[in-house]
């Protein structure tokens, strides 16, 4: 009987060891799956960070172009929804050649007409000092 009890105890011990070994392998497999998921996540985050950086740079250039075309940082700020300081920051940080190239792609920018301080004389009103001398002859 002692051998039968010993054999049963040995089999029970082996079953327990096999169960423990399967549990350890399951933990190792799960850990590998977690590591693989973390690696894929890091790759995806890095890719998205690059996309966000490129989109932010394009937005900054677009705001700088708008502010340059409008020649008014305040108006550009209110149209784009960013503050004036940010518009000025975009303008300072933008590459001048890139801004000019983008403006060229968008079309020709007509120069603004300057307001002159000199008033154009009205043809209906005679100049001062001329009381209609042409009519007296």
N, C-alpha and C. Protein backbone atom coordinates (compact mmCIF):
# COMPACT_ATOMS: atom_id res chain seq x y z
N UNK A 1 0.79 -1.19 0.00
CA UNK A 1 0.00 0.00 0.00
C UNK A 1 0.84 1.26 0.00
N UNK A 2 1.94 1.15 0.65
CA UNK A 2 2.81 2.31 0.72
C UNK A 2 3.28 2.71 -0.65
N UNK A 3 3.51 1.69 -1.51
CA UNK A 3 3.97 2.03 -2.85
C UNK A 3 2.82 2.65 -3.66
N UNK A 4 1.60 2.18 -3.41
CA UNK A 4 0.47 2.75 -4.12
C UNK A 4 0.29 4.20 -3.70
N UNK A 5 0.35 4.51 -2.48
CA UNK A 5 0.22 5.88 -1.97
C UNK A 5 1.37 6.73 -2.49
N UNK A 6 2.55 6.14 -2.50
CA UNK A 6 3.71 6.86 -3.02
C UNK A 6 3.58 7.14 -4.50
N UNK A 7 3.07 6.16 -5.26
CA UNK A 7 2.86 6.36 -6.70
C UNK A 7 1.81 7.44 -6.97
N UNK A 8 0.74 7.43 -6.20
CA UNK A 8 -0.31 8.44 -6.37
C UNK A 8 0.23 9.82 -6.02
N UNK A 9 1.03 9.92 -5.00
CA UNK A 9 1.62 11.19 -4.60
C UNK A 9 2.58 11.68 -5.69
N UNK A 10 3.32 10.74 -6.26
CA UNK A 10 4.26 11.11 -7.32
C UNK A 10 3.51 11.60 -8.55
N UNK A 11 2.42 10.90 -8.92
CA UNK A 11 1.62 11.35 -10.06
C UNK A 11 0.98 12.71 -9.79
N UNK A 12 0.48 12.89 -8.62
CA UNK A 12 -0.12 14.18 -8.26
C UNK A 12 0.93 15.30 -8.32
N UNK A 13 2.12 15.00 -7.86
CA UNK A 13 3.21 15.98 -7.91
C UNK A 13 3.57 16.32 -9.35
N UNK A 14 3.63 15.29 -10.20
CA UNK A 14 3.94 15.53 -11.61
C UNK A 14 2.84 16.36 -12.29
N UNK A 15 1.57 16.04 -11.99
CA UNK A 15 0.47 16.83 -12.56
C UNK A 15 0.56 18.28 -12.10
N UNK A 16 0.88 18.46 -10.85
CA UNK A 16 1.02 19.83 -10.33
C UNK A 16 2.18 20.55 -11.03
N UNK A 17 3.31 19.86 -11.22
CA UNK A 17 4.46 20.47 -11.89
C UNK A 17 4.13 20.80 -13.34
N UNK A 18 3.39 19.92 -14.02
CA UNK A 18 2.98 20.19 -15.40
C UNK A 18 2.05 21.40 -15.46
N UNK A 19 1.13 21.49 -14.51
CA UNK A 19 0.23 22.63 -14.44
C UNK A 19 1.01 23.93 -14.21
N UNK A 20 1.96 23.87 -13.30
CA UNK A 20 2.78 25.05 -13.02
C UNK A 20 3.60 25.44 -14.26
N UNK A 21 4.14 24.45 -14.96
CA UNK A 21 4.92 24.72 -16.17
C UNK A 21 4.04 25.34 -17.25
N UNK A 22 2.82 24.82 -17.44
CA UNK A 22 1.90 25.41 -18.41
C UNK A 22 1.53 26.85 -18.02
N UNK A 23 1.35 27.09 -16.75
CA UNK A 23 1.03 28.45 -16.28
C UNK A 23 2.19 29.40 -16.54
N UNK A 24 3.43 28.92 -16.29
CA UNK A 24 4.61 29.76 -16.55
C UNK A 24 4.72 30.07 -18.04
N UNK A 25 4.48 29.07 -18.89
CA UNK A 25 4.54 29.29 -20.34
C UNK A 25 3.46 30.27 -20.79
N UNK A 26 2.27 30.18 -20.20
CA UNK A 26 1.19 31.11 -20.53
C UNK A 26 1.56 32.54 -20.14
N UNK A 27 2.23 32.69 -19.00
CA UNK A 27 2.68 34.02 -18.56
C UNK A 27 3.73 34.55 -19.52
N UNK A 28 4.67 33.70 -19.94
CA UNK A 28 5.71 34.12 -20.87
C UNK A 28 5.11 34.53 -22.21
N UNK A 29 4.13 33.75 -22.68
CA UNK A 29 3.48 34.08 -23.94
C UNK A 29 2.72 35.40 -23.83
N UNK A 30 2.02 35.60 -22.73
CA UNK A 30 1.27 36.84 -22.53
C UNK A 30 2.23 38.03 -22.44
N UNK A 31 3.36 37.83 -21.78
CA UNK A 31 4.35 38.91 -21.68
C UNK A 31 4.89 39.26 -23.06
N UNK A 32 5.14 38.27 -23.89
CA UNK A 32 5.59 38.51 -25.26
C UNK A 32 4.55 39.26 -26.06
N UNK A 33 3.28 38.92 -25.88
CA UNK A 33 2.20 39.60 -26.57
C UNK A 33 2.13 41.06 -26.14
N UNK A 34 2.30 41.31 -24.84
CA UNK A 34 2.28 42.68 -24.32
C UNK A 34 3.45 43.48 -24.91
N UNK A 35 4.62 42.88 -24.94
CA UNK A 35 5.79 43.57 -25.48
C UNK A 35 5.61 43.90 -26.96
N UNK A 36 5.04 42.99 -27.70
CA UNK A 36 4.79 43.22 -29.13
C UNK A 36 3.77 44.34 -29.32
N UNK A 37 2.72 44.34 -28.50
CA UNK A 37 1.71 45.41 -28.58
C UNK A 37 2.33 46.76 -28.21
N UNK A 38 3.19 46.78 -27.20
CA UNK A 38 3.86 48.03 -26.82
C UNK A 38 4.76 48.53 -27.95
N UNK A 39 5.46 47.63 -28.62
CA UNK A 39 6.32 48.02 -29.74
C UNK A 39 5.49 48.61 -30.87
N UNK A 40 4.38 47.95 -31.22
CA UNK A 40 3.51 48.46 -32.28
C UNK A 40 2.92 49.82 -31.90
N UNK A 41 2.57 49.98 -30.62
CA UNK A 41 2.03 51.26 -30.14
C UNK A 41 3.06 52.36 -30.28
N UNK A 42 4.30 52.10 -29.90
CA UNK A 42 5.36 53.10 -30.02
C UNK A 42 5.58 53.49 -31.48
N UNK A 43 5.54 52.53 -32.37
CA UNK A 43 5.70 52.82 -33.80
C UNK A 43 4.54 53.68 -34.31
N UNK A 44 3.33 53.33 -33.88
CA UNK A 44 2.16 54.10 -34.31
C UNK A 44 2.19 55.52 -33.75
N UNK A 45 2.57 55.67 -32.50
CA UNK A 45 2.65 57.00 -31.89
C UNK A 45 3.73 57.83 -32.58
N UNK A 46 4.85 57.22 -32.89
CA UNK A 46 5.93 57.95 -33.59
C UNK A 46 5.45 58.40 -34.96
N UNK A 47 4.74 57.53 -35.68
CA UNK A 47 4.21 57.89 -36.99
C UNK A 47 3.20 59.02 -36.88
N UNK A 48 2.31 58.94 -35.90
CA UNK A 48 1.31 59.99 -35.71
C UNK A 48 1.96 61.30 -35.27
N UNK A 49 2.99 61.22 -34.45
CA UNK A 49 3.71 62.43 -34.04
C UNK A 49 4.31 63.13 -35.26
N UNK A 50 4.84 62.35 -36.19
CA UNK A 50 5.39 62.93 -37.41
C UNK A 50 4.28 63.60 -38.24
N UNK A 51 3.13 62.95 -38.32
CA UNK A 51 2.01 63.52 -39.07
C UNK A 51 1.53 64.82 -38.43
N UNK A 52 1.44 64.82 -37.10
CA UNK A 52 1.01 66.02 -36.38
C UNK A 52 2.02 67.14 -36.59
N UNK A 53 3.31 66.82 -36.53
CA UNK A 53 4.34 67.83 -36.75
C UNK A 53 4.26 68.44 -38.14
N UNK A 54 4.06 67.59 -39.14
CA UNK A 54 3.95 68.08 -40.51
C UNK A 54 2.70 68.93 -40.69
N UNK A 55 1.60 68.51 -40.10
CA UNK A 55 0.35 69.27 -40.20
C UNK A 55 0.48 70.62 -39.48
N UNK A 56 1.13 70.63 -38.33
CA UNK A 56 1.32 71.87 -37.58
C UNK A 56 2.21 72.83 -38.36
N UNK A 57 3.25 72.31 -38.99
CA UNK A 57 4.13 73.15 -39.80
C UNK A 57 3.37 73.74 -40.99
N UNK A 58 2.53 72.93 -41.63
CA UNK A 58 1.73 73.41 -42.76
C UNK A 58 0.74 74.48 -42.30
N UNK A 59 0.16 74.29 -41.13
CA UNK A 59 -0.77 75.28 -40.58
C UNK A 59 -0.04 76.58 -40.30
N UNK A 60 1.13 76.48 -39.68
CA UNK A 60 1.90 77.69 -39.39
C UNK A 60 2.26 78.44 -40.65
N UNK A 61 2.67 77.71 -41.69
CA UNK A 61 3.00 78.35 -42.96
C UNK A 61 1.76 79.00 -43.57
N UNK A 62 0.62 78.33 -43.49
CA UNK A 62 -0.62 78.88 -44.05
C UNK A 62 -1.02 80.16 -43.33
N UNK A 63 -0.87 80.19 -42.01
CA UNK A 63 -1.20 81.39 -41.25
C UNK A 63 -0.22 82.52 -41.61
N UNK A 64 1.06 82.18 -41.74
CA UNK A 64 2.05 83.19 -42.12
C UNK A 64 1.75 83.75 -43.51
N UNK A 65 1.36 82.90 -44.43
CA UNK A 65 1.00 83.35 -45.78
C UNK A 65 -0.20 84.27 -45.72
N UNK A 66 -1.22 83.88 -44.97
CA UNK A 66 -2.42 84.72 -44.86
C UNK A 66 -2.08 86.07 -44.26
N UNK A 67 -1.30 86.08 -43.19
CA UNK A 67 -0.92 87.34 -42.56
C UNK A 67 -0.10 88.20 -43.51
N UNK A 68 0.74 87.58 -44.31
CA UNK A 68 1.56 88.32 -45.27
C UNK A 68 0.68 88.92 -46.37
N UNK A 69 -0.26 88.14 -46.85
CA UNK A 69 -1.14 88.63 -47.91
C UNK A 69 -2.04 89.75 -47.39
N UNK A 70 -2.58 89.57 -46.18
CA UNK A 70 -3.48 90.57 -45.62
C UNK A 70 -2.75 91.81 -45.13
N UNK A 71 -1.48 91.63 -44.77
CA UNK A 71 -0.67 92.68 -44.17
C UNK A 71 -1.30 93.22 -42.90
N UNK A 72 -1.98 92.32 -42.19
CA UNK A 72 -2.63 92.71 -40.95
C UNK A 72 -2.67 91.47 -40.04
N UNK A 73 -1.80 91.46 -39.02
CA UNK A 73 -1.73 90.31 -38.13
C UNK A 73 -3.02 90.13 -37.33
N UNK A 74 -3.63 91.23 -36.93
CA UNK A 74 -4.87 91.15 -36.16
C UNK A 74 -6.00 90.51 -36.94
N UNK A 75 -6.15 90.92 -38.18
CA UNK A 75 -7.19 90.33 -39.04
C UNK A 75 -6.90 88.86 -39.30
N UNK A 76 -5.64 88.55 -39.56
CA UNK A 76 -5.26 87.15 -39.78
C UNK A 76 -5.55 86.33 -38.53
N UNK A 77 -5.30 86.90 -37.36
CA UNK A 77 -5.57 86.19 -36.11
C UNK A 77 -7.05 85.92 -35.94
N UNK A 78 -7.88 86.91 -36.20
CA UNK A 78 -9.32 86.69 -36.02
C UNK A 78 -9.88 85.74 -37.07
N UNK A 79 -9.32 85.73 -38.27
CA UNK A 79 -9.80 84.81 -39.29
C UNK A 79 -9.39 83.37 -39.03
N UNK A 80 -8.22 83.18 -38.42
CA UNK A 80 -7.72 81.83 -38.20
C UNK A 80 -8.04 81.28 -36.82
N UNK A 81 -8.45 82.13 -35.90
CA UNK A 81 -8.79 81.65 -34.57
C UNK A 81 -7.60 81.50 -33.65
N UNK A 82 -6.46 82.09 -34.00
CA UNK A 82 -5.30 82.07 -33.12
C UNK A 82 -5.05 83.50 -32.66
N UNK A 83 -4.27 83.66 -31.61
CA UNK A 83 -4.02 85.02 -31.13
C UNK A 83 -2.95 85.71 -31.97
N UNK A 84 -2.88 87.01 -31.82
CA UNK A 84 -1.98 87.82 -32.64
C UNK A 84 -0.53 87.44 -32.39
N UNK A 85 -0.19 87.14 -31.14
CA UNK A 85 1.19 86.74 -30.83
C UNK A 85 1.57 85.48 -31.58
N UNK A 86 0.65 84.55 -31.69
CA UNK A 86 0.93 83.32 -32.42
C UNK A 86 1.11 83.59 -33.91
N UNK A 87 0.28 84.49 -34.46
CA UNK A 87 0.41 84.86 -35.87
C UNK A 87 1.79 85.46 -36.12
N UNK A 88 2.21 86.34 -35.24
CA UNK A 88 3.53 86.96 -35.39
C UNK A 88 4.64 85.93 -35.24
N UNK A 89 4.44 84.99 -34.34
CA UNK A 89 5.42 83.92 -34.17
C UNK A 89 5.52 83.07 -35.43
N UNK A 90 4.38 82.75 -36.03
CA UNK A 90 4.40 82.00 -37.28
C UNK A 90 5.11 82.78 -38.38
N UNK A 91 4.86 84.08 -38.44
CA UNK A 91 5.50 84.90 -39.48
C UNK A 91 7.01 84.95 -39.28
N UNK A 92 7.44 85.09 -38.02
CA UNK A 92 8.88 85.14 -37.75
C UNK A 92 9.54 83.80 -38.03
N UNK A 93 8.84 82.72 -37.72
CA UNK A 93 9.42 81.39 -37.88
C UNK A 93 9.35 80.83 -39.29
N UNK A 94 8.52 81.44 -40.12
CA UNK A 94 8.33 80.90 -41.47
C UNK A 94 9.51 81.29 -42.35
N UNK A 95 9.89 80.38 -43.21
CA UNK A 95 10.93 80.63 -44.20
C UNK A 95 10.37 81.58 -45.25
N UNK A 96 11.04 82.70 -45.46
CA UNK A 96 10.55 83.70 -46.40
C UNK A 96 10.38 83.15 -47.80
N UNK A 97 11.31 82.31 -48.23
CA UNK A 97 11.21 81.73 -49.56
C UNK A 97 9.98 80.83 -49.67
N UNK A 98 9.69 80.08 -48.61
CA UNK A 98 8.52 79.20 -48.62
C UNK A 98 7.24 80.01 -48.66
N UNK A 99 7.22 81.12 -47.92
CA UNK A 99 6.04 81.99 -47.92
C UNK A 99 5.83 82.58 -49.31
N UNK A 100 6.90 83.09 -49.91
CA UNK A 100 6.78 83.67 -51.25
C UNK A 100 6.36 82.62 -52.28
N UNK A 101 6.91 81.41 -52.15
CA UNK A 101 6.55 80.34 -53.08
C UNK A 101 5.07 79.98 -52.93
N UNK A 102 4.61 79.90 -51.70
CA UNK A 102 3.20 79.55 -51.48
C UNK A 102 2.28 80.65 -51.99
N UNK A 103 2.67 81.90 -51.78
CA UNK A 103 1.87 83.00 -52.31
C UNK A 103 1.84 82.92 -53.83
N UNK A 104 2.97 82.59 -54.43
CA UNK A 104 3.02 82.42 -55.89
C UNK A 104 2.12 81.31 -56.36
N UNK A 105 2.01 80.24 -55.59
CA UNK A 105 1.12 79.14 -55.95
C UNK A 105 -0.34 79.56 -55.87
N UNK A 106 -0.65 80.41 -54.89
CA UNK A 106 -2.03 80.83 -54.70
C UNK A 106 -2.49 81.83 -55.74
N UNK A 107 -1.58 82.60 -56.27
CA UNK A 107 -1.92 83.58 -57.29
C UNK A 107 -1.20 84.88 -57.03
N UNK A 108 -1.43 85.83 -57.91
CA UNK A 108 -0.74 87.10 -57.84
C UNK A 108 -1.36 87.96 -56.75
N UNK A 109 -0.49 88.59 -55.98
CA UNK A 109 -0.95 89.52 -54.95
C UNK A 109 -0.80 90.91 -55.52
N UNK A 110 -1.92 91.59 -55.63
CA UNK A 110 -1.89 92.95 -56.15
C UNK A 110 -1.39 93.89 -55.06
N UNK A 111 -0.52 94.82 -55.44
CA UNK A 111 -0.04 95.76 -54.43
C UNK A 111 -1.18 96.65 -53.97
N UNK A 112 -1.15 97.00 -52.72
CA UNK A 112 -2.18 97.88 -52.20
C UNK A 112 -1.93 99.29 -52.67
N UNK A 113 -2.99 99.97 -52.96
CA UNK A 113 -2.87 101.37 -53.34
C UNK A 113 -2.69 102.18 -52.07
N UNK A 114 -1.74 103.03 -52.12
CA UNK A 114 -1.49 103.88 -50.95
C UNK A 114 -2.45 105.06 -51.00
N UNK A 115 -2.89 105.41 -49.83
CA UNK A 115 -3.74 106.60 -49.74
C UNK A 115 -2.84 107.82 -49.81
N UNK A 116 -3.22 108.77 -50.64
CA UNK A 116 -2.39 109.96 -50.77
C UNK A 116 -3.00 111.09 -49.95
N UNK A 117 -2.15 111.93 -49.43
CA UNK A 117 -2.62 113.08 -48.66
C UNK A 117 -3.08 114.19 -49.58
N UNK A 118 -2.65 114.16 -50.82
CA UNK A 118 -3.02 115.18 -51.79
C UNK A 118 -4.40 114.86 -52.32
N UNK A 119 -5.28 115.85 -52.28
CA UNK A 119 -6.62 115.63 -52.78
C UNK A 119 -6.67 115.98 -54.26
N UNK A 120 -7.38 115.21 -55.00
CA UNK A 120 -7.56 115.46 -56.42
C UNK A 120 -8.59 116.56 -56.57
N UNK A 121 -8.27 117.62 -57.33
CA UNK A 121 -9.24 118.73 -57.46
C UNK A 121 -10.47 118.29 -58.24
N UNK A 122 -11.58 118.82 -57.80
CA UNK A 122 -12.85 118.53 -58.45
C UNK A 122 -12.96 119.42 -59.69
N UNK A 123 -13.30 118.86 -60.80
CA UNK A 123 -13.36 119.61 -62.05
C UNK A 123 -14.48 120.65 -62.03
N UNK A 124 -15.49 120.47 -61.18
CA UNK A 124 -16.62 121.40 -61.14
C UNK A 124 -16.29 122.67 -60.38
N UNK A 125 -15.30 122.59 -59.49
CA UNK A 125 -14.95 123.76 -58.68
C UNK A 125 -13.72 124.41 -59.29
N UNK A 126 -13.78 125.70 -59.61
CA UNK A 126 -12.60 126.35 -60.17
C UNK A 126 -11.50 126.48 -59.14
N UNK A 127 -10.24 126.44 -59.56
CA UNK A 127 -9.14 126.58 -58.61
C UNK A 127 -9.22 127.93 -57.91
N UNK A 128 -8.63 127.98 -56.72
CA UNK A 128 -8.63 129.21 -55.94
C UNK A 128 -7.87 130.28 -56.72
N UNK A 129 -8.42 131.48 -56.76
CA UNK A 129 -7.78 132.58 -57.47
C UNK A 129 -8.23 132.68 -58.90
N UNK A 130 -9.00 131.75 -59.36
CA UNK A 130 -9.51 131.79 -60.73
C UNK A 130 -11.01 132.02 -60.64
N UNK A 131 -11.42 133.24 -60.85
CA UNK A 131 -12.84 133.59 -60.72
C UNK A 131 -13.54 133.53 -62.05
N UNK A 132 -13.06 132.72 -62.91
CA UNK A 132 -13.70 132.59 -64.21
C UNK A 132 -13.16 133.63 -65.17
N UNK A 133 -11.89 133.87 -65.14
CA UNK A 133 -11.25 134.88 -65.99
C UNK A 133 -11.38 134.57 -67.46
N UNK A 134 -11.62 133.35 -67.80
CA UNK A 134 -11.75 132.99 -69.20
C UNK A 134 -13.01 133.60 -69.82
N UNK A 135 -14.00 133.82 -68.98
CA UNK A 135 -15.26 134.32 -69.49
C UNK A 135 -15.20 135.83 -69.71
N UNK A 136 -14.31 136.55 -69.11
CA UNK A 136 -14.19 138.00 -69.28
C UNK A 136 -13.22 138.31 -70.39
N UNK A 137 -13.64 138.66 -71.42
CA UNK A 137 -12.72 139.04 -72.48
C UNK A 137 -13.29 140.07 -73.38
